[in-house]
């Protein structure tokens, strides 16, 4: 059985909160007043420009009827995932891809972070199964 956490895993917290506020007809101003946070700070959270503090997460969970620690666990998952992605880009090695997949460009000048979509599309079109699985491991599903 799939848990609620597994369904929302990877979706930014602000997006989830914003959607549920709209569903319940609660304004961000009303929520910010009820949890004791400034509207500006809540707006930055709901627009995914800021993480949420645990004390506010607990209050939001109660108001929106989430499971206890749902937002905290989700945020920790996202932070850890992003940290892993950054460490791969900073310290990891790039996947081994045949040069014929990128026949028209210099692979040494390829930026694996900026050209992520291009690389994934190109490998999915012209790569073999081991190259496709290497790309999935490198970027994640």
Protein backbone atom coordinates (compact mmCIF):
# COMPACT_ATOMS: atom_id res chain seq x y z
CA UNK A 1 0.00 0.00 0.00
CA UNK A 2 1.31 3.44 -0.94
CA UNK A 3 1.53 5.96 1.88
CA UNK A 4 0.58 9.63 1.56
CA UNK A 5 4.24 10.50 1.97
CA UNK A 6 5.18 8.35 -1.04
CA UNK A 7 2.59 10.13 -3.19
CA UNK A 8 3.85 13.61 -2.31
CA UNK A 9 7.54 12.68 -2.15
CA UNK A 10 9.49 15.17 -4.24
CA UNK A 11 6.73 17.75 -4.60
CA UNK A 12 7.79 21.06 -3.03
CA UNK A 13 6.11 21.78 0.31
CA UNK A 14 4.94 25.22 -0.76
CA UNK A 15 3.09 23.76 -3.73
CA UNK A 16 1.24 21.30 -1.49
CA UNK A 17 0.32 23.96 1.09
CA UNK A 18 -0.82 26.43 -1.58
CA UNK A 19 -3.02 23.78 -3.23
CA UNK A 20 -4.63 22.74 0.05
CA UNK A 21 -5.25 26.34 1.09
CA UNK A 22 -7.05 26.93 -2.19
CA UNK A 23 -9.07 23.71 -1.75
CA UNK A 24 -10.21 24.75 1.72
CA UNK A 25 -10.78 28.40 0.84
CA UNK A 26 -8.22 29.67 3.36
CA UNK A 27 -6.17 32.72 2.44
CA UNK A 28 -2.46 32.94 3.07
CA UNK A 29 -3.08 36.00 5.22
CA UNK A 30 -5.51 34.09 7.45
CA UNK A 31 -3.09 31.16 7.75
CA UNK A 32 -0.15 33.43 8.52
CA UNK A 33 -2.10 35.13 11.31
CA UNK A 34 -3.28 31.85 12.81
CA UNK A 35 0.21 30.35 13.01
CA UNK A 36 1.97 33.58 14.04
CA UNK A 37 4.17 34.11 11.02
CA UNK A 38 4.44 37.12 8.74
CA UNK A 39 2.55 37.00 5.45
CA UNK A 40 5.78 37.69 3.57
CA UNK A 41 7.50 34.68 5.13
CA UNK A 42 4.53 32.39 4.45
CA UNK A 43 4.39 33.65 0.87
CA UNK A 44 8.06 32.79 0.40
CA UNK A 45 7.36 29.30 1.79
CA UNK A 46 4.36 28.71 -0.48
CA UNK A 47 6.36 29.91 -3.49
CA UNK A 48 9.15 27.47 -2.59
CA UNK A 49 11.76 30.16 -1.95
CA UNK A 50 12.24 29.26 1.70
CA UNK A 51 12.16 26.20 3.94
CA UNK A 52 9.65 25.97 6.75
CA UNK A 53 10.61 25.94 10.42
CA UNK A 54 9.44 22.93 12.43
CA UNK A 55 7.25 24.96 14.80
CA UNK A 56 5.32 26.49 11.89
CA UNK A 57 5.16 23.16 10.09
CA UNK A 58 3.47 21.58 13.11
CA UNK A 59 0.90 24.38 13.28
CA UNK A 60 0.18 24.14 9.55
CA UNK A 61 -0.19 20.35 9.84
CA UNK A 62 -2.87 20.82 12.50
CA UNK A 63 -4.77 23.46 10.53
CA UNK A 64 -4.68 21.55 7.23
CA UNK A 65 -5.25 18.14 8.88
CA UNK A 66 -2.00 16.55 7.74
CA UNK A 67 -0.48 13.57 9.47
CA UNK A 68 1.89 14.53 12.30
CA UNK A 69 5.40 15.32 11.02
CA UNK A 70 4.27 15.06 7.38
CA UNK A 71 5.69 18.44 6.34
CA UNK A 72 8.86 18.01 8.39
CA UNK A 73 9.57 14.58 6.91
CA UNK A 74 8.80 15.79 3.41
CA UNK A 75 11.09 18.79 3.79
CA UNK A 76 13.89 16.61 5.19
CA UNK A 77 13.49 14.25 2.23
CA UNK A 78 13.72 17.13 -0.26
CA UNK A 79 16.74 18.67 1.49
CA UNK A 80 18.55 15.32 1.53
CA UNK A 81 17.69 14.63 -2.11
CA UNK A 82 18.98 18.04 -3.17
CA UNK A 83 22.12 17.58 -1.10
CA UNK A 84 22.75 14.23 -2.81
CA UNK A 85 22.21 15.76 -6.25
CA UNK A 86 24.63 18.61 -5.47
CA UNK A 87 27.25 16.21 -4.16
CA UNK A 88 26.96 14.14 -7.33
CA UNK A 89 27.51 17.26 -9.42
CA UNK A 90 30.38 18.47 -7.24
CA UNK A 91 32.19 15.25 -6.41
CA UNK A 92 30.71 12.47 -8.46
CA UNK A 93 31.82 11.25 -11.79
CA UNK A 94 29.72 11.74 -14.85
CA UNK A 95 28.05 8.72 -16.41
CA UNK A 96 29.93 6.84 -19.08
CA UNK A 97 28.24 7.66 -22.39
CA UNK A 98 29.58 6.77 -25.83
CA UNK A 99 30.77 9.76 -27.86
CA UNK A 100 28.56 8.73 -30.76
CA UNK A 101 25.48 9.66 -28.69
CA UNK A 102 26.73 13.27 -28.68
CA UNK A 103 28.21 13.19 -32.17
CA UNK A 104 27.54 16.88 -32.85
CA UNK A 105 29.05 18.46 -29.71
CA UNK A 106 32.25 18.37 -27.70
CA UNK A 107 31.47 16.24 -24.62
CA UNK A 108 34.27 17.95 -22.66
CA UNK A 109 32.40 21.25 -22.90
CA UNK A 110 29.05 19.71 -21.90
CA UNK A 111 27.68 21.14 -18.64
CA UNK A 112 25.94 18.22 -16.92
CA UNK A 113 23.86 20.54 -14.72
CA UNK A 114 22.77 23.21 -17.20
CA UNK A 115 22.16 20.79 -20.08
CA UNK A 116 20.29 18.17 -18.02
CA UNK A 117 17.18 18.05 -20.23
CA UNK A 118 19.21 17.92 -23.43
CA UNK A 119 21.39 15.11 -22.08
CA UNK A 120 18.42 13.06 -20.86
CA UNK A 121 16.59 13.45 -24.18
CA UNK A 122 19.65 12.62 -26.23
CA UNK A 123 20.52 9.51 -24.21
CA UNK A 124 16.91 8.33 -24.19
CA UNK A 125 16.84 8.61 -28.01
CA UNK A 126 20.26 7.27 -28.94
CA UNK A 127 21.72 5.59 -25.86
CA UNK A 128 21.79 1.90 -25.09
CA UNK A 129 20.22 0.38 -21.98
CA UNK A 130 23.34 0.72 -19.81
CA UNK A 131 23.66 4.41 -20.76
CA UNK A 132 19.99 5.02 -19.99
CA UNK A 133 20.30 3.38 -16.58
CA UNK A 134 23.50 5.38 -15.89
CA UNK A 135 21.60 8.60 -16.66
CA UNK A 136 18.73 7.51 -14.39
CA UNK A 137 21.20 6.90 -11.57
CA UNK A 138 22.98 10.19 -12.17
CA UNK A 139 19.91 12.44 -12.35
CA UNK A 140 17.40 10.27 -10.51
CA UNK A 141 14.04 9.20 -11.85
